[in-house]
N, C-alpha and C. Protein backbone atom coordinates (compact mmCIF):
# COMPACT_ATOMS: atom_id res chain seq x y z
N MET A 1 160.45 74.67 96.15
CA MET A 1 159.94 75.82 96.88
C MET A 1 160.80 76.14 98.12
N ARG A 2 161.42 75.09 98.68
CA ARG A 2 162.23 75.30 99.87
C ARG A 2 163.40 76.24 99.60
N MET A 3 163.97 76.12 98.39
CA MET A 3 165.12 76.96 98.08
C MET A 3 164.72 78.43 97.97
N ILE A 4 163.44 78.71 97.65
CA ILE A 4 162.98 80.10 97.63
C ILE A 4 163.00 80.67 99.04
N SER A 5 162.54 79.88 100.00
CA SER A 5 162.47 80.34 101.39
C SER A 5 163.84 80.55 102.03
N LEU A 6 164.89 80.06 101.37
CA LEU A 6 166.24 80.26 101.90
C LEU A 6 166.70 81.70 101.74
N HIS A 7 165.99 82.47 100.92
CA HIS A 7 166.36 83.87 100.68
C HIS A 7 165.52 84.77 101.58
N SER A 8 166.19 85.65 102.30
CA SER A 8 165.52 86.45 103.33
C SER A 8 164.46 87.39 102.77
N ASP A 9 164.58 87.76 101.49
CA ASP A 9 163.62 88.69 100.91
C ASP A 9 162.46 87.97 100.21
N LEU A 10 162.46 86.63 100.25
CA LEU A 10 161.41 85.86 99.58
C LEU A 10 160.73 84.93 100.57
N GLN A 11 159.43 84.70 100.36
CA GLN A 11 158.69 83.81 101.24
C GLN A 11 157.59 83.11 100.44
N VAL A 12 157.49 81.79 100.58
CA VAL A 12 156.40 81.04 99.96
C VAL A 12 155.18 81.18 100.87
N VAL A 13 154.11 81.78 100.35
CA VAL A 13 152.94 82.05 101.19
C VAL A 13 151.80 81.06 100.93
N ALA A 14 151.88 80.29 99.85
CA ALA A 14 150.83 79.30 99.56
C ALA A 14 151.32 78.38 98.45
N SER A 15 150.72 77.21 98.35
CA SER A 15 151.00 76.30 97.23
C SER A 15 149.71 75.57 96.89
N ALA A 16 149.65 75.05 95.67
CA ALA A 16 148.44 74.38 95.20
C ALA A 16 148.80 73.27 94.24
N ALA A 17 148.01 72.20 94.25
CA ALA A 17 148.27 71.05 93.38
C ALA A 17 147.42 71.06 92.12
N THR A 18 146.38 71.91 92.07
CA THR A 18 145.51 71.99 90.91
C THR A 18 145.33 73.44 90.49
N GLY A 19 144.88 73.63 89.26
CA GLY A 19 144.63 74.99 88.79
C GLY A 19 143.53 75.68 89.58
N ASP A 20 142.46 74.95 89.88
CA ASP A 20 141.35 75.54 90.64
C ASP A 20 141.82 76.00 92.02
N GLU A 21 142.61 75.12 92.66
CA GLU A 21 143.13 75.46 93.98
C GLU A 21 144.08 76.65 93.90
N GLY A 22 144.86 76.71 92.83
CA GLY A 22 145.77 77.83 92.65
C GLY A 22 145.05 79.16 92.56
N VAL A 23 143.95 79.18 91.82
CA VAL A 23 143.15 80.41 91.69
C VAL A 23 142.56 80.80 93.04
N LYS A 24 142.06 79.80 93.78
CA LYS A 24 141.49 80.08 95.10
C LYS A 24 142.55 80.61 96.06
N GLN A 25 143.73 80.00 96.03
CA GLN A 25 144.81 80.46 96.90
C GLN A 25 145.24 81.88 96.53
N PHE A 26 145.26 82.17 95.23
CA PHE A 26 145.62 83.52 94.82
C PHE A 26 144.61 84.53 95.37
N ALA A 27 143.32 84.19 95.27
CA ALA A 27 142.28 85.10 95.75
C ALA A 27 142.39 85.34 97.25
N LEU A 28 142.80 84.32 97.98
CA LEU A 28 142.92 84.43 99.44
C LEU A 28 144.18 85.17 99.87
N VAL A 29 145.30 84.84 99.24
CA VAL A 29 146.61 85.31 99.71
C VAL A 29 147.12 86.54 98.95
N ARG A 30 146.76 86.64 97.68
CA ARG A 30 147.24 87.73 96.81
C ARG A 30 148.76 87.86 96.84
N PRO A 31 149.47 86.82 96.40
CA PRO A 31 150.94 86.87 96.41
C PRO A 31 151.49 87.93 95.47
N ASP A 32 152.68 88.40 95.76
CA ASP A 32 153.33 89.39 94.89
C ASP A 32 153.70 88.77 93.55
N VAL A 33 154.15 87.51 93.57
CA VAL A 33 154.53 86.78 92.36
C VAL A 33 153.98 85.36 92.46
N THR A 34 153.43 84.86 91.37
CA THR A 34 152.88 83.50 91.33
C THR A 34 153.69 82.66 90.35
N LEU A 35 154.12 81.47 90.80
CA LEU A 35 154.75 80.50 89.91
C LEU A 35 153.67 79.53 89.46
N MET A 36 153.56 79.32 88.15
CA MET A 36 152.47 78.51 87.61
C MET A 36 153.01 77.44 86.66
N ASP A 37 152.65 76.19 86.90
CA ASP A 37 152.93 75.13 85.95
C ASP A 37 151.81 75.12 84.92
N LEU A 38 152.06 74.55 83.75
CA LEU A 38 150.99 74.43 82.75
C LEU A 38 150.25 73.11 82.89
N GLN A 39 150.94 72.09 83.37
CA GLN A 39 150.34 70.77 83.46
C GLN A 39 149.70 70.59 84.82
N LEU A 40 148.41 70.90 84.88
CA LEU A 40 147.66 70.80 86.13
C LEU A 40 146.35 70.08 85.88
N PRO A 41 145.89 69.28 86.83
CA PRO A 41 144.58 68.62 86.66
C PRO A 41 143.44 69.62 86.81
N GLY A 42 142.31 69.29 86.19
CA GLY A 42 141.16 70.20 86.25
C GLY A 42 141.42 71.43 85.40
N LEU A 43 141.41 72.58 86.04
CA LEU A 43 141.72 73.84 85.36
C LEU A 43 143.21 73.85 85.03
N ASP A 44 143.55 73.87 83.72
CA ASP A 44 144.98 73.80 83.40
C ASP A 44 145.65 75.15 83.65
N GLY A 45 146.98 75.15 83.50
CA GLY A 45 147.74 76.34 83.83
C GLY A 45 147.34 77.58 83.06
N LEU A 46 147.07 77.43 81.76
CA LEU A 46 146.67 78.58 80.96
C LEU A 46 145.34 79.15 81.44
N GLU A 47 144.39 78.27 81.74
CA GLU A 47 143.09 78.74 82.24
C GLU A 47 143.25 79.40 83.61
N ALA A 48 144.13 78.83 84.43
CA ALA A 48 144.36 79.41 85.75
C ALA A 48 144.99 80.80 85.64
N ILE A 49 145.91 80.97 84.69
CA ILE A 49 146.50 82.30 84.48
C ILE A 49 145.41 83.30 84.10
N ARG A 50 144.55 82.90 83.17
CA ARG A 50 143.47 83.81 82.75
C ARG A 50 142.55 84.16 83.93
N ALA A 51 142.22 83.15 84.75
CA ALA A 51 141.34 83.38 85.89
C ALA A 51 141.99 84.32 86.90
N ILE A 52 143.27 84.14 87.15
CA ILE A 52 143.98 85.01 88.09
C ILE A 52 144.06 86.42 87.56
N ARG A 53 144.32 86.56 86.27
CA ARG A 53 144.40 87.90 85.68
C ARG A 53 143.04 88.60 85.66
N GLU A 54 141.97 87.82 85.65
CA GLU A 54 140.64 88.43 85.78
C GLU A 54 140.44 88.96 87.19
N LEU A 55 140.95 88.22 88.18
CA LEU A 55 140.87 88.68 89.57
C LEU A 55 141.73 89.91 89.79
N ASP A 56 142.90 89.91 89.16
CA ASP A 56 143.85 91.01 89.32
C ASP A 56 144.64 91.20 88.02
N PRO A 57 144.24 92.16 87.20
CA PRO A 57 144.92 92.38 85.92
C PRO A 57 146.41 92.68 86.05
N LYS A 58 146.85 93.06 87.24
CA LYS A 58 148.26 93.37 87.46
C LYS A 58 149.03 92.20 88.08
N ALA A 59 148.38 91.06 88.20
CA ALA A 59 149.03 89.89 88.82
C ALA A 59 150.32 89.55 88.06
N ARG A 60 151.38 89.27 88.81
CA ARG A 60 152.67 88.92 88.22
C ARG A 60 152.80 87.40 88.26
N ILE A 61 152.82 86.78 87.09
CA ILE A 61 152.82 85.32 87.00
C ILE A 61 154.02 84.85 86.19
N ILE A 62 154.74 83.89 86.74
CA ILE A 62 155.86 83.26 86.05
C ILE A 62 155.45 81.82 85.73
N VAL A 63 155.48 81.45 84.47
CA VAL A 63 155.25 80.06 84.10
C VAL A 63 156.55 79.30 84.28
N LEU A 64 156.48 78.19 85.02
CA LEU A 64 157.64 77.33 85.26
C LEU A 64 157.22 75.92 84.87
N THR A 65 157.70 75.44 83.73
CA THR A 65 157.16 74.22 83.15
C THR A 65 158.22 73.44 82.38
N VAL A 66 157.88 72.21 82.03
CA VAL A 66 158.78 71.39 81.19
C VAL A 66 158.43 71.54 79.71
N HIS A 67 157.31 72.18 79.39
CA HIS A 67 156.83 72.24 78.01
C HIS A 67 157.49 73.36 77.23
N GLN A 68 158.17 72.99 76.13
CA GLN A 68 158.98 73.95 75.40
C GLN A 68 158.35 74.48 74.12
N GLY A 69 157.27 73.88 73.64
CA GLY A 69 156.71 74.27 72.35
C GLY A 69 156.38 75.75 72.26
N GLU A 70 156.66 76.33 71.08
CA GLU A 70 156.43 77.77 70.93
C GLU A 70 154.97 78.16 71.11
N GLU A 71 154.06 77.24 70.82
CA GLU A 71 152.64 77.56 71.02
C GLU A 71 152.33 77.69 72.51
N ASN A 72 152.94 76.84 73.33
CA ASN A 72 152.76 76.96 74.78
C ASN A 72 153.25 78.32 75.27
N ILE A 73 154.42 78.73 74.79
CA ILE A 73 154.99 80.02 75.19
C ILE A 73 154.06 81.15 74.77
N TYR A 74 153.64 81.12 73.50
CA TYR A 74 152.78 82.16 72.96
C TYR A 74 151.48 82.27 73.75
N ARG A 75 150.85 81.12 74.01
CA ARG A 75 149.57 81.13 74.72
C ARG A 75 149.72 81.62 76.15
N ALA A 76 150.81 81.21 76.81
CA ALA A 76 151.01 81.61 78.20
C ALA A 76 151.22 83.12 78.31
N LEU A 77 152.06 83.67 77.43
CA LEU A 77 152.30 85.11 77.48
C LEU A 77 151.06 85.89 77.07
N ARG A 78 150.32 85.36 76.10
CA ARG A 78 149.08 86.02 75.69
C ARG A 78 148.04 85.98 76.80
N ALA A 79 148.06 84.90 77.61
CA ALA A 79 147.12 84.78 78.72
C ALA A 79 147.44 85.75 79.86
N GLY A 80 148.68 86.25 79.88
CA GLY A 80 149.02 87.24 80.90
C GLY A 80 150.24 86.92 81.73
N ALA A 81 150.95 85.83 81.42
CA ALA A 81 152.18 85.53 82.16
C ALA A 81 153.23 86.59 81.86
N ALA A 82 153.99 86.95 82.88
CA ALA A 82 155.06 87.93 82.70
C ALA A 82 156.32 87.30 82.16
N CYS A 83 156.46 86.00 82.37
CA CYS A 83 157.70 85.32 82.04
C CYS A 83 157.43 83.84 81.86
N TYR A 84 158.26 83.18 81.06
CA TYR A 84 158.12 81.75 80.79
C TYR A 84 159.48 81.09 81.00
N LEU A 85 159.54 80.20 81.99
CA LEU A 85 160.79 79.51 82.31
C LEU A 85 160.60 78.01 82.20
N LEU A 86 161.68 77.33 81.84
CA LEU A 86 161.67 75.87 81.84
C LEU A 86 162.16 75.39 83.20
N LYS A 87 161.71 74.20 83.59
CA LYS A 87 162.02 73.69 84.92
C LYS A 87 163.49 73.35 85.11
N ASP A 88 164.26 73.32 84.01
CA ASP A 88 165.70 73.08 84.18
C ASP A 88 166.47 74.39 84.39
N THR A 89 165.72 75.49 84.57
CA THR A 89 166.34 76.77 84.88
C THR A 89 167.12 76.64 86.19
N LEU A 90 168.32 77.18 86.23
CA LEU A 90 169.14 77.10 87.44
C LEU A 90 168.47 77.85 88.59
N PRO A 91 168.57 77.33 89.81
CA PRO A 91 167.92 77.96 90.97
C PRO A 91 168.25 79.44 91.12
N ASP A 92 169.52 79.80 90.96
CA ASP A 92 169.90 81.21 91.12
C ASP A 92 169.22 82.08 90.06
N GLU A 93 169.08 81.54 88.83
CA GLU A 93 168.42 82.30 87.78
C GLU A 93 166.93 82.47 88.09
N LEU A 94 166.31 81.42 88.63
CA LEU A 94 164.90 81.52 89.01
C LEU A 94 164.71 82.60 90.07
N ILE A 95 165.57 82.63 91.06
CA ILE A 95 165.47 83.64 92.11
C ILE A 95 165.61 85.04 91.51
N ASP A 96 166.57 85.21 90.61
CA ASP A 96 166.75 86.51 89.95
C ASP A 96 165.50 86.91 89.17
N VAL A 97 164.92 85.95 88.46
CA VAL A 97 163.72 86.23 87.66
C VAL A 97 162.56 86.62 88.56
N ILE A 98 162.38 85.94 89.69
CA ILE A 98 161.31 86.30 90.63
C ILE A 98 161.45 87.75 91.06
N ARG A 99 162.66 88.15 91.36
CA ARG A 99 162.90 89.53 91.80
C ARG A 99 162.62 90.53 90.68
N VAL A 100 163.03 90.18 89.46
CA VAL A 100 162.80 91.09 88.32
C VAL A 100 161.30 91.22 88.04
N VAL A 101 160.58 90.10 88.08
CA VAL A 101 159.13 90.14 87.83
C VAL A 101 158.43 90.91 88.94
N PHE A 102 158.86 90.73 90.19
CA PHE A 102 158.29 91.50 91.30
C PHE A 102 158.45 93.00 91.06
N ALA A 103 159.58 93.36 90.47
CA ALA A 103 159.85 94.78 90.20
C ALA A 103 159.12 95.30 88.97
N GLY A 104 158.37 94.41 88.30
CA GLY A 104 157.59 94.85 87.15
C GLY A 104 158.17 94.45 85.81
N GLY A 105 159.27 93.70 85.82
CA GLY A 105 159.89 93.30 84.57
C GLY A 105 159.27 92.05 83.96
N SER A 106 159.64 91.79 82.72
CA SER A 106 159.17 90.60 82.00
C SER A 106 160.36 89.97 81.27
N PRO A 107 161.28 89.38 82.02
CA PRO A 107 162.49 88.83 81.40
C PRO A 107 162.18 87.59 80.56
N ILE A 108 162.84 87.47 79.43
CA ILE A 108 162.66 86.29 78.57
C ILE A 108 164.03 85.73 78.24
N GLN A 109 164.22 84.43 78.52
CA GLN A 109 165.48 83.78 78.20
C GLN A 109 165.67 83.74 76.69
N PRO A 110 166.92 83.76 76.21
CA PRO A 110 167.17 83.79 74.77
C PRO A 110 166.51 82.65 74.00
N GLN A 111 166.54 81.41 74.55
CA GLN A 111 165.94 80.30 73.83
C GLN A 111 164.42 80.42 73.76
N ILE A 112 163.83 81.01 74.79
CA ILE A 112 162.38 81.23 74.80
C ILE A 112 162.04 82.33 73.80
N ALA A 113 162.85 83.37 73.75
CA ALA A 113 162.63 84.46 72.79
C ALA A 113 162.70 83.95 71.36
N ALA A 114 163.66 83.06 71.11
CA ALA A 114 163.81 82.50 69.75
C ALA A 114 162.59 81.68 69.36
N GLN A 115 162.08 80.87 70.28
CA GLN A 115 160.89 80.07 69.99
C GLN A 115 159.67 80.96 69.78
N LEU A 116 159.55 82.00 70.59
CA LEU A 116 158.43 82.92 70.45
C LEU A 116 158.48 83.64 69.11
N ALA A 117 159.67 84.01 68.67
CA ALA A 117 159.83 84.67 67.37
C ALA A 117 159.39 83.75 66.24
N ARG A 118 159.73 82.46 66.36
CA ARG A 118 159.30 81.50 65.35
C ARG A 118 157.77 81.41 65.32
N ARG A 119 157.15 81.39 66.49
CA ARG A 119 155.69 81.27 66.57
C ARG A 119 155.00 82.48 65.95
N ILE A 120 155.53 83.66 66.21
CA ILE A 120 154.91 84.88 65.69
C ILE A 120 154.95 84.91 64.18
N GLY A 121 155.97 84.27 63.59
CA GLY A 121 156.09 84.25 62.14
C GLY A 121 155.29 83.15 61.47
N GLN A 122 154.58 82.33 62.25
CA GLN A 122 153.84 81.21 61.68
C GLN A 122 152.35 81.51 61.60
N ALA A 123 151.70 80.89 60.61
CA ALA A 123 150.25 81.03 60.49
C ALA A 123 149.58 80.26 61.62
N ALA A 124 148.67 80.90 62.30
CA ALA A 124 147.98 80.26 63.43
C ALA A 124 146.85 79.39 62.93
N LEU A 125 146.60 78.30 63.65
CA LEU A 125 145.44 77.47 63.34
C LEU A 125 144.18 78.15 63.86
N THR A 126 143.11 77.98 63.11
CA THR A 126 141.81 78.47 63.60
C THR A 126 141.35 77.57 64.74
N ASP A 127 140.32 77.99 65.46
CA ASP A 127 139.79 77.17 66.55
C ASP A 127 139.35 75.80 66.03
N ARG A 128 138.70 75.77 64.88
CA ARG A 128 138.22 74.50 64.32
C ARG A 128 139.40 73.62 63.88
N GLU A 129 140.39 74.23 63.27
CA GLU A 129 141.59 73.47 62.89
C GLU A 129 142.28 72.90 64.12
N GLN A 130 142.28 73.67 65.19
CA GLN A 130 142.86 73.20 66.45
C GLN A 130 142.11 71.96 66.95
N GLN A 131 140.79 72.00 66.87
CA GLN A 131 139.99 70.85 67.29
C GLN A 131 140.31 69.63 66.42
N VAL A 132 140.43 69.85 65.12
CA VAL A 132 140.69 68.75 64.20
C VAL A 132 142.05 68.11 64.49
N ILE A 133 143.09 68.91 64.70
CA ILE A 133 144.41 68.33 64.93
C ILE A 133 144.46 67.60 66.27
N GLU A 134 143.74 68.09 67.27
CA GLU A 134 143.71 67.40 68.56
C GLU A 134 143.00 66.06 68.44
N LEU A 135 141.89 66.03 67.69
CA LEU A 135 141.17 64.76 67.49
C LEU A 135 142.01 63.80 66.65
N LEU A 136 142.71 64.33 65.65
CA LEU A 136 143.60 63.50 64.84
C LEU A 136 144.69 62.88 65.71
N ALA A 137 145.24 63.67 66.61
CA ALA A 137 146.30 63.19 67.50
C ALA A 137 145.79 62.13 68.47
N SER A 138 144.50 62.19 68.78
CA SER A 138 143.93 61.20 69.70
C SER A 138 143.65 59.87 69.01
N GLY A 139 143.88 59.82 67.68
CA GLY A 139 143.75 58.56 66.95
C GLY A 139 142.49 58.42 66.12
N LEU A 140 141.68 59.49 66.06
CA LEU A 140 140.44 59.41 65.28
C LEU A 140 140.71 59.52 63.78
N ARG A 141 139.89 58.84 62.99
CA ARG A 141 139.96 58.95 61.53
C ARG A 141 139.02 60.05 61.08
N SER A 142 139.09 60.37 59.79
CA SER A 142 138.31 61.50 59.26
C SER A 142 136.83 61.37 59.56
N GLY A 143 136.28 60.17 59.34
CA GLY A 143 134.85 59.97 59.60
C GLY A 143 134.50 60.16 61.06
N GLU A 144 135.39 59.72 61.94
CA GLU A 144 135.15 59.87 63.38
C GLU A 144 135.28 61.33 63.81
N ILE A 145 136.24 62.02 63.20
CA ILE A 145 136.39 63.45 63.49
C ILE A 145 135.14 64.19 63.03
N ALA A 146 134.66 63.85 61.84
CA ALA A 146 133.45 64.48 61.30
C ALA A 146 132.27 64.27 62.24
N ALA A 147 132.10 63.04 62.72
CA ALA A 147 130.99 62.74 63.62
C ALA A 147 131.14 63.50 64.94
N SER A 148 132.37 63.58 65.44
CA SER A 148 132.62 64.25 66.71
C SER A 148 132.31 65.75 66.63
N LEU A 149 132.62 66.35 65.47
CA LEU A 149 132.42 67.80 65.31
C LEU A 149 131.12 68.14 64.59
N THR A 150 130.36 67.12 64.23
CA THR A 150 129.09 67.29 63.51
C THR A 150 129.30 68.07 62.21
N ILE A 151 130.28 67.64 61.44
CA ILE A 151 130.54 68.22 60.13
C ILE A 151 130.73 67.06 59.14
N SER A 152 130.81 67.38 57.86
CA SER A 152 130.97 66.31 56.87
C SER A 152 132.42 65.85 56.79
N LYS A 153 132.59 64.65 56.28
CA LYS A 153 133.94 64.11 56.10
C LYS A 153 134.72 64.97 55.11
N GLU A 154 134.03 65.50 54.10
CA GLU A 154 134.69 66.36 53.12
C GLU A 154 135.21 67.64 53.78
N THR A 155 134.44 68.17 54.73
CA THR A 155 134.87 69.38 55.43
C THR A 155 136.11 69.09 56.27
N VAL A 156 136.16 67.90 56.87
CA VAL A 156 137.34 67.50 57.63
C VAL A 156 138.56 67.50 56.71
N GLN A 157 138.40 66.98 55.49
CA GLN A 157 139.52 66.94 54.54
C GLN A 157 140.01 68.35 54.21
N VAL A 158 139.08 69.30 54.08
CA VAL A 158 139.45 70.69 53.82
C VAL A 158 140.28 71.24 54.99
N TYR A 159 139.82 70.97 56.21
CA TYR A 159 140.56 71.43 57.39
C TYR A 159 141.95 70.80 57.44
N LEU A 160 142.03 69.51 57.11
CA LEU A 160 143.32 68.83 57.13
C LEU A 160 144.28 69.43 56.11
N ARG A 161 143.78 69.76 54.92
CA ARG A 161 144.64 70.39 53.91
C ARG A 161 145.17 71.73 54.41
N ASN A 162 144.29 72.49 55.06
CA ASN A 162 144.71 73.79 55.61
C ASN A 162 145.76 73.61 56.70
N ILE A 163 145.54 72.61 57.56
CA ILE A 163 146.49 72.33 58.64
C ILE A 163 147.84 71.92 58.07
N PHE A 164 147.82 71.02 57.08
CA PHE A 164 149.07 70.58 56.45
C PHE A 164 149.84 71.77 55.89
N ALA A 165 149.13 72.67 55.24
CA ALA A 165 149.77 73.84 54.64
C ALA A 165 150.40 74.73 55.71
N LYS A 166 149.66 74.95 56.78
CA LYS A 166 150.16 75.83 57.84
C LYS A 166 151.34 75.22 58.59
N LEU A 167 151.34 73.89 58.72
CA LEU A 167 152.42 73.23 59.43
C LEU A 167 153.58 72.84 58.52
N GLY A 168 153.38 72.99 57.21
CA GLY A 168 154.44 72.65 56.25
C GLY A 168 154.69 71.16 56.14
N VAL A 169 153.60 70.37 56.18
CA VAL A 169 153.73 68.91 56.09
C VAL A 169 152.82 68.38 54.99
N HIS A 170 152.92 67.05 54.74
CA HIS A 170 152.13 66.46 53.66
C HIS A 170 151.29 65.27 54.09
N ASP A 171 151.38 64.90 55.37
CA ASP A 171 150.59 63.74 55.81
C ASP A 171 150.20 63.91 57.28
N ARG A 172 149.31 63.02 57.72
CA ARG A 172 148.75 63.12 59.07
C ARG A 172 149.78 62.89 60.16
N LEU A 173 150.62 61.88 59.99
CA LEU A 173 151.62 61.59 61.01
C LEU A 173 152.57 62.77 61.22
N SER A 174 153.00 63.35 60.12
CA SER A 174 153.89 64.51 60.21
C SER A 174 153.18 65.69 60.85
N ALA A 175 151.90 65.87 60.52
CA ALA A 175 151.12 66.97 61.10
C ALA A 175 151.05 66.84 62.62
N VAL A 176 150.78 65.63 63.08
CA VAL A 176 150.69 65.41 64.53
C VAL A 176 152.06 65.62 65.18
N ALA A 177 153.11 65.12 64.54
CA ALA A 177 154.46 65.26 65.10
C ALA A 177 154.85 66.73 65.23
N VAL A 178 154.60 67.51 64.16
CA VAL A 178 154.95 68.93 64.19
C VAL A 178 154.08 69.68 65.19
N ALA A 179 152.80 69.33 65.24
CA ALA A 179 151.89 69.99 66.18
C ALA A 179 152.32 69.73 67.62
N ARG A 180 152.75 68.51 67.90
CA ARG A 180 153.24 68.20 69.26
C ARG A 180 154.50 69.00 69.58
N LYS A 181 155.41 69.05 68.63
CA LYS A 181 156.67 69.76 68.84
C LYS A 181 156.43 71.25 69.09
N ARG A 182 155.48 71.81 68.36
CA ARG A 182 155.18 73.23 68.52
C ARG A 182 154.35 73.54 69.75
N GLY A 183 153.77 72.50 70.38
CA GLY A 183 152.94 72.73 71.55
C GLY A 183 151.49 72.98 71.20
N LEU A 184 151.11 72.71 69.94
CA LEU A 184 149.70 72.86 69.56
C LEU A 184 148.83 71.79 70.20
N ILE A 185 149.43 70.62 70.40
CA ILE A 185 148.75 69.54 71.10
C ILE A 185 149.45 69.40 72.43
N ARG A 186 148.82 69.86 73.46
CA ARG A 186 149.46 69.87 74.77
C ARG A 186 149.31 68.52 75.44
N PRO A 187 150.38 68.01 76.03
CA PRO A 187 150.31 66.70 76.69
C PRO A 187 149.29 66.66 77.80
N TYR A 188 149.00 67.83 78.39
CA TYR A 188 148.10 67.85 79.53
C TYR A 188 146.65 68.03 79.13
N ASP A 189 146.35 68.17 77.82
CA ASP A 189 144.96 68.30 77.40
C ASP A 189 144.13 67.10 77.86
N SER A 190 144.74 65.90 77.81
CA SER A 190 143.98 64.70 78.15
C SER A 190 143.53 64.70 79.60
N LEU A 191 144.21 65.48 80.45
CA LEU A 191 143.82 65.56 81.85
C LEU A 191 142.50 66.27 82.02
N ASN A 192 142.14 67.07 81.01
CA ASN A 192 141.00 67.97 81.18
C ASN A 192 139.82 67.62 80.30
N GLN A 193 139.86 66.47 79.62
CA GLN A 193 138.78 66.17 78.70
C GLN A 193 137.49 65.84 79.43
N ASN A 194 137.59 65.17 80.59
CA ASN A 194 136.41 64.83 81.36
C ASN A 194 136.63 65.16 82.83
N PRO A 195 136.71 66.44 83.14
CA PRO A 195 136.99 66.82 84.53
C PRO A 195 135.88 66.35 85.45
N ALA A 196 136.26 65.91 86.63
CA ALA A 196 135.26 65.43 87.59
C ALA A 196 134.41 66.58 88.08
N LYS A 197 133.14 66.34 88.23
CA LYS A 197 132.24 67.35 88.76
C LYS A 197 132.30 67.31 90.28
N SER A 198 132.27 68.47 90.90
CA SER A 198 132.29 68.49 92.36
C SER A 198 131.24 69.46 92.87
């Protein structure tokens, strides 16, 4: 953030360590451009983007994250982000992107565009299939997944077959590996499974 303040036309007006705090800071400060990570405790980055866009449908949000999966990109842009950058983006490029987004643009890096194009051409998992793959990735077996979702073990098998077909795999390990690579199973989901009540 310090390197942003080195530019006379840019100023950091607030920062936040959690998604909830980020939404509160946005409501108080109303920045021209918001930089948002996806991996945040409590309210994750995608939920924070949605909350900010509810406060201000014209909010300009840049996702700046280490997560490259095409599903992460797709979800972030669908949630209302203007741009998706990886944290290894060069400082000068980040500054340029902030200025472009402030002016109303939505620049997309070529590698991000390529991943997004791949995602658009893929069959999306249903909400239930998404739940099943996340539970599978957490180490649960079919019977445990069935109990967790209050469905039969046979129904779990049907969902697994559908997931395998959509991901182009033939077994559970491959399904989890591909789902992780695509960003269907987000590394930060585990941060939000049991958020503390306050």
